[in-house]
Amino acid sequence: MISPYHNPVLLKESVDGLDIKENGVYVDVTFGGGGHSKEILKRLGGEGRLFAFDQDEDALANTIDDDRFQLINQNFQFLKQFLKFYGIRKVDGILGDFGVSSHQFDEAERGFSIRFDADLDMRMNRNNELSAHQVVNSYSQESLASVLFQYGELRNANAIAKTIVESRLETPIKTTEQLKLVLKRFLPKMKENKILAQIYQAIRIEVNQEIAVLKEFLQQTPEVLKEGGRLSLISYHSLEDRLVKRFIRDGKFEGEAEKDFYGNINVPLKKVGGLITPSANEITLNNRARSAKLRIAERI
């Protein structure tokens, strides 16, 4: 049964990508509703183990009663640190399903969705200090424009940032509806939802430091994976997917891949198969799957 908390995207494909060994040790770094974790556990034998990470306290309600399972209420940027705490040095596979869960989108008060009026929040971990309210109301025009341009890929980021800064001088922008009204002139009817989604995405990524966290996580994976261990990662926007693709190919995010004395490329991972996207049927059943991209890699 699919959890109402979050419909797991590319469930079979992503877990197949782990090439699960019955007695292996695996990590689901984005537990959410537990859909991917449950599928991994189905394929594990009695000696297998699964560790899952989720920084959102709401996800704790979905924990799985299974002696082979351990849920860690932390951000996956601390992957290596917490595995070490549990006595795990190397694992056979890591699965990640990045982005916002269906639950977070559907909980109006979290402020993630353009469908609801709510306080500007967008924190995946509600214990974190930085919220969307602070980004919108305290960032300089230059910093705000940078966030909107880098993470929302908005060409008119400067104009949007200027409008926000000028408006908040009169009164703080406290809710998602206030933000929409402030930016009304940038939201033509036919493109309103698309542009708002880009703006929300940019603010959300900044609030949760998603790009920095993803980079930190990816850099830990070669150390944590056993030789032949698998990485199965689902991204939902081009910023994430580019980082994942580049790291698998080059072992780094900028510059050329390192080469040995003989000019052979020296990288820790090799890609397995090509890019995998959801079927038309899955998108029909779960519209949020439409932008998902799955990449699989193996530790060399």
Protein backbone atom coordinates (compact mmCIF):
# COMPACT_ATOMS: atom_id res chain seq x y z
CA MET A 1 0.00 0.00 0.00
CA ILE A 2 1.34 3.45 -0.91
CA SER A 3 1.73 5.76 2.05
CA PRO A 4 -0.47 8.89 2.03
CA TYR A 5 2.53 10.71 3.52
CA HIS A 6 4.54 10.42 0.31
CA ASN A 7 4.11 8.41 -2.87
CA PRO A 8 7.53 6.86 -3.61
CA VAL A 9 8.72 7.81 -7.09
CA LEU A 10 10.45 5.30 -9.39
CA LEU A 11 10.11 2.77 -6.57
CA LYS A 12 11.00 -0.43 -8.43
CA GLU A 13 13.61 1.18 -10.67
CA SER A 14 15.49 2.91 -7.85
CA VAL A 15 15.54 -0.15 -5.57
CA ASP A 16 16.44 -2.42 -8.52
CA GLY A 17 19.35 -0.05 -9.10
CA LEU A 18 20.81 -0.97 -5.70
CA ASP A 19 21.23 -4.60 -6.86
CA ILE A 20 20.44 -5.68 -3.30
CA LYS A 21 22.39 -8.44 -1.58
CA GLU A 22 20.24 -10.27 0.97
CA ASN A 23 22.65 -9.75 3.84
CA GLY A 24 23.92 -6.33 2.80
CA VAL A 25 23.84 -2.99 4.60
CA TYR A 26 21.88 -0.20 2.91
CA VAL A 27 20.98 3.43 3.54
CA ASP A 28 17.86 5.37 2.53
CA VAL A 29 18.94 8.97 3.07
CA THR A 30 15.45 10.43 2.44
CA PHE A 31 13.05 8.26 4.47
CA GLY A 32 9.87 10.37 4.26
CA GLY A 33 6.88 8.04 4.24
CA GLY A 34 9.12 4.98 4.15
CA GLY A 35 8.07 3.71 0.72
CA HIS A 36 11.57 3.08 -0.59
CA SER A 37 12.73 1.72 2.78
CA LYS A 38 9.90 -0.83 2.91
CA GLU A 39 10.80 -2.07 -0.56
CA ILE A 40 14.47 -2.43 0.41
CA LEU A 41 13.51 -4.37 3.55
CA LYS A 42 11.36 -6.75 1.46
CA ARG A 43 14.47 -7.71 -0.47
CA LEU A 44 16.80 -8.07 2.52
CA GLY A 45 17.39 -11.31 4.37
CA GLY A 46 17.50 -11.81 8.12
CA GLU A 47 21.06 -10.53 8.45
CA GLY A 48 20.55 -7.47 6.25
CA ARG A 49 20.41 -3.98 7.72
CA LEU A 50 18.84 -0.71 6.64
CA PHE A 51 19.60 2.74 8.03
CA ALA A 52 17.36 5.67 7.07
CA PHE A 53 17.81 9.42 7.50
CA ASP A 54 15.16 12.14 7.72
CA GLN A 55 15.56 15.54 9.37
CA ASP A 56 11.80 16.21 9.44
CA GLU A 57 10.30 15.16 12.79
CA ASP A 58 6.98 14.43 11.04
CA ALA A 59 8.68 11.46 9.32
CA LEU A 60 9.33 9.79 12.69
CA ALA A 61 5.65 8.77 12.81
CA ASN A 62 6.32 6.50 9.82
CA THR A 63 9.12 4.49 11.46
CA ILE A 64 9.15 0.77 10.61
CA ASP A 65 8.95 -1.87 13.34
CA ASP A 66 11.72 -4.17 12.13
CA ASP A 67 14.87 -5.24 13.97
CA ARG A 68 16.86 -4.74 10.76
CA PHE A 69 15.84 -1.07 10.53
CA GLN A 70 17.16 2.10 12.18
CA LEU A 71 15.69 5.57 11.54
CA ILE A 72 18.06 8.49 12.20
CA ASN A 73 16.41 11.90 12.70
CA GLN A 74 19.18 13.88 11.03
CA ASN A 75 20.08 15.55 7.76
CA PHE A 76 21.84 13.19 5.34
CA GLN A 77 24.79 15.58 5.18
CA PHE A 78 25.84 13.79 8.38
CA LEU A 79 25.80 10.38 6.64
CA LYS A 80 29.32 9.27 7.51
CA GLN A 81 29.22 10.63 11.06
CA PHE A 82 26.03 8.79 12.07
CA LEU A 83 26.88 5.53 10.32
CA LYS A 84 30.14 5.56 12.26
CA PHE A 85 28.12 6.13 15.46
CA TYR A 86 26.24 2.89 14.70
CA GLY A 87 29.48 1.04 13.98
CA ILE A 88 29.10 1.06 10.19
CA ARG A 89 32.12 1.96 8.07
CA LYS A 90 31.01 0.70 4.66
CA VAL A 91 27.64 -0.04 3.05
CA ASP A 92 26.42 -1.94 0.00
CA GLY A 93 24.12 0.75 -1.32
CA ILE A 94 22.67 4.22 -0.81
CA LEU A 95 19.33 5.48 -2.09
CA GLY A 96 18.30 9.14 -2.20
CA ASP A 97 14.99 10.68 -3.32
CA PHE A 98 15.67 14.40 -3.06
CA GLY A 99 13.34 17.39 -2.89
CA VAL A 100 10.15 18.00 -0.91
CA SER A 101 7.89 15.14 0.17
CA SER A 102 4.20 15.04 -0.73
CA HIS A 103 3.46 15.44 2.98
CA GLN A 104 5.48 18.66 3.20
CA PHE A 105 3.72 20.06 0.12
CA ASP A 106 0.29 19.09 1.46
CA GLU A 107 0.76 20.46 4.99
CA ALA A 108 -0.39 24.05 4.40
CA GLU A 109 1.32 25.52 7.47
CA ARG A 110 4.75 24.41 6.24
CA GLY A 111 4.60 27.06 3.50
CA PHE A 112 6.07 24.87 0.74
CA SER A 113 3.13 24.94 -1.65
CA ILE A 114 1.82 27.71 -3.89
CA ARG A 115 -1.70 26.29 -3.32
CA PHE A 116 -2.08 27.52 0.25
CA ASP A 117 -1.79 30.77 2.17
CA ALA A 118 0.57 30.20 5.08
CA ASP A 119 3.38 31.80 7.06
CA LEU A 120 6.62 31.95 5.11
CA ASP A 121 8.51 28.98 6.55
CA MET A 122 9.75 26.23 4.15
CA ARG A 123 12.05 24.61 6.73
CA MET A 124 12.43 20.86 6.26
CA ASN A 125 13.85 20.76 9.78
CA ARG A 126 11.69 23.06 11.90
CA ASN A 127 14.47 23.37 14.48
CA ASN A 128 16.64 25.30 12.02
CA GLU A 129 16.81 29.05 12.56
CA LEU A 130 16.70 30.22 8.94
CA SER A 131 13.18 30.36 7.46
CA ALA A 132 11.65 31.73 4.27
CA HIS A 133 10.46 34.74 6.31
CA GLN A 134 14.06 35.68 7.11
CA VAL A 135 15.24 35.18 3.53
CA VAL A 136 12.44 37.36 2.15
CA ASN A 137 12.59 40.04 4.84
CA SER A 138 16.25 40.33 5.79
CA TYR A 139 18.41 39.40 2.78
CA SER A 140 19.91 42.32 0.89
CA GLN A 141 18.63 42.99 -2.62
CA GLU A 142 21.86 41.62 -4.06
CA SER A 143 21.72 38.41 -1.99
CA LEU A 144 18.03 37.89 -2.74
CA ALA A 145 18.63 38.38 -6.48
CA SER A 146 21.48 35.87 -6.34
CA VAL A 147 19.24 33.27 -4.66
CA LEU A 148 16.44 33.78 -7.21
CA PHE A 149 18.82 33.64 -10.16
CA GLN A 150 20.94 30.67 -9.03
CA TYR A 151 18.24 28.46 -7.55
CA GLY A 152 15.13 29.60 -9.43
CA GLU A 153 16.88 30.31 -12.75
CA LEU A 154 14.83 33.51 -13.03
CA ARG A 155 16.17 35.95 -15.61
CA ASN A 156 14.42 38.90 -13.97
CA ALA A 157 15.78 38.02 -10.51
CA ASN A 158 17.08 41.57 -9.94
CA ALA A 159 13.70 43.16 -10.63
CA ILE A 160 11.89 40.64 -8.39
CA ALA A 161 14.39 41.19 -5.55
CA LYS A 162 14.08 44.99 -5.89
CA THR A 163 10.28 44.77 -5.66
CA ILE A 164 10.46 42.56 -2.54
CA VAL A 165 12.93 44.90 -0.80
CA GLU A 166 10.89 48.02 -1.61
CA SER A 167 7.65 46.38 -0.43
CA ARG A 168 9.04 45.10 2.88
CA LEU A 169 10.18 48.63 3.80
CA GLU A 170 6.49 49.51 4.16
CA THR A 171 5.44 46.29 5.91
CA PRO A 172 7.08 42.89 6.50
CA ILE A 173 6.06 40.11 4.09
CA LYS A 174 4.79 37.42 6.46
CA THR A 175 2.72 35.01 4.35
CA THR A 176 2.82 33.25 1.00
CA GLU A 177 -0.27 35.19 -0.09
CA GLN A 178 1.41 38.52 0.73
CA LEU A 179 4.43 37.45 -1.32
CA LYS A 180 2.16 36.62 -4.29
CA LEU A 181 0.49 40.04 -4.07
CA VAL A 182 3.83 41.84 -3.87
CA LEU A 183 5.01 40.01 -7.01
CA LYS A 184 1.71 40.21 -8.89
CA ARG A 185 3.15 42.15 -11.83
CA PHE A 186 5.68 39.33 -12.45
CA LEU A 187 2.96 36.67 -12.58
CA PRO A 188 1.07 36.73 -15.90
CA LYS A 189 -2.01 34.50 -15.73
CA MET A 190 -0.80 31.85 -18.16
CA LYS A 191 2.56 31.50 -16.36
CA GLU A 192 1.65 32.36 -12.76
CA ASN A 193 2.08 28.87 -11.30
CA LYS A 194 5.31 28.16 -13.17
CA ILE A 195 6.99 31.41 -12.08
CA LEU A 196 5.73 31.09 -8.50
CA ALA A 197 7.09 27.53 -8.39
CA GLN A 198 10.50 28.83 -9.49
CA ILE A 199 10.44 31.57 -6.82
CA TYR A 200 9.37 29.11 -4.10
CA GLN A 201 12.00 26.62 -5.21
CA ALA A 202 14.74 29.23 -4.99
CA ILE A 203 13.73 30.37 -1.49
CA ARG A 204 13.28 26.77 -0.29
CA ILE A 205 16.71 25.71 -1.55
CA GLU A 206 18.29 28.67 0.25
CA VAL A 207 16.38 28.03 3.50
CA ASN A 208 17.43 24.37 3.59
CA GLN A 209 20.86 24.87 2.00
CA GLU A 210 19.92 22.02 -0.33
CA ILE A 211 22.73 22.46 -2.86
CA ALA A 212 25.47 22.66 -0.22
CA VAL A 213 23.98 19.64 1.59
CA LEU A 214 23.78 17.60 -1.63
CA LYS A 215 27.42 18.36 -2.45
CA GLU A 216 28.53 17.42 1.06
CA PHE A 217 26.57 14.17 0.84
CA LEU A 218 27.88 13.20 -2.60
CA GLN A 219 31.47 13.77 -1.53
CA GLN A 220 31.00 11.25 1.31
CA THR A 221 29.54 8.47 -0.84
CA PRO A 222 32.79 7.07 -2.29
CA GLU A 223 34.18 6.72 1.24
CA VAL A 224 31.06 5.05 2.59
CA LEU A 225 30.33 2.66 -0.29
CA LYS A 226 32.04 -0.71 -0.53
CA GLU A 227 33.73 -1.63 -3.80
CA GLY A 228 30.86 -2.63 -6.09
CA GLY A 229 28.36 -0.78 -3.85
CA ARG A 230 25.56 1.07 -5.59
CA LEU A 231 24.28 4.64 -5.52
CA SER A 232 20.67 5.20 -6.67
CA LEU A 233 19.67 8.88 -6.73
CA ILE A 234 16.44 10.61 -7.79
CA SER A 235 16.52 14.35 -8.56
CA TYR A 236 13.66 16.70 -9.38
CA HIS A 237 15.27 19.79 -10.86
CA SER A 238 18.21 20.52 -13.13
CA LEU A 239 20.39 22.00 -10.37
CA GLU A 240 20.40 18.71 -8.44
CA ASP A 241 20.59 16.50 -11.49
CA ARG A 242 23.59 18.37 -12.91
CA LEU A 243 25.48 17.93 -9.63
CA VAL A 244 24.68 14.20 -9.46
CA LYS A 245 25.57 13.64 -13.12
CA ARG A 246 28.81 15.61 -12.84
CA PHE A 247 29.92 13.88 -9.64
CA ILE A 248 29.30 10.41 -11.08
CA ARG A 249 31.19 11.31 -14.25
CA ASP A 250 34.09 13.37 -12.85
CA GLY A 251 34.18 12.74 -9.10
CA LYS A 252 33.94 16.51 -8.58
CA PHE A 253 31.62 19.44 -9.31
CA GLU A 254 33.97 21.76 -11.20
CA GLY A 255 36.91 21.34 -13.52
CA GLU A 256 38.03 18.20 -15.30
CA ALA A 257 38.15 14.71 -13.80
CA GLU A 258 41.48 13.75 -12.25
CA LYS A 259 43.81 11.60 -14.34
CA ASP A 260 46.60 9.22 -13.41
CA PHE A 261 50.21 9.39 -14.65
CA TYR A 262 49.20 7.72 -17.93
CA GLY A 263 46.29 10.05 -18.61
CA ASN A 264 43.57 7.60 -17.58
CA ILE A 265 40.55 9.16 -15.86
CA ASN A 266 40.68 8.40 -12.15
CA VAL A 267 37.19 8.62 -10.63
CA PRO A 268 35.59 6.69 -7.73
CA LEU A 269 32.27 5.89 -9.43
CA LYS A 270 31.06 4.56 -12.76
CA LYS A 271 27.57 5.06 -14.10
CA VAL A 272 25.26 2.07 -14.44
CA GLY A 273 22.91 2.28 -17.40
CA GLY A 274 21.44 5.54 -18.64
CA LEU A 275 19.11 8.16 -17.26
CA ILE A 276 15.80 6.69 -16.02
CA THR A 277 12.58 8.72 -15.97
CA PRO A 278 9.04 7.75 -14.85
CA SER A 279 6.66 6.05 -17.26
CA ALA A 280 3.62 7.89 -18.57
CA ASN A 281 1.49 5.64 -16.37
CA GLU A 282 3.41 6.57 -13.20
CA ILE A 283 3.09 10.28 -14.02
CA THR A 284 -0.67 9.83 -14.50
CA LEU A 285 -0.94 8.16 -11.09
CA ASN A 286 1.46 10.59 -9.37
CA ASN A 287 1.86 13.97 -11.08
CA ARG A 288 4.78 14.89 -8.81
CA ALA A 289 6.84 12.21 -10.54
CA ARG A 290 6.85 14.15 -13.82
CA SER A 291 10.23 15.84 -13.33
CA ALA A 292 12.01 12.93 -11.61
CA LYS A 293 15.36 11.71 -12.96
CA LEU A 294 17.10 8.60 -11.64
CA ARG A 295 20.83 8.02 -12.01
CA ILE A 296 22.61 4.89 -10.80
CA ALA A 297 26.34 4.49 -10.14
CA GLU A 298 28.69 1.86 -8.77
CA ARG A 299 31.76 2.26 -6.57
CA ILE A 300 34.84 1.23 -8.53
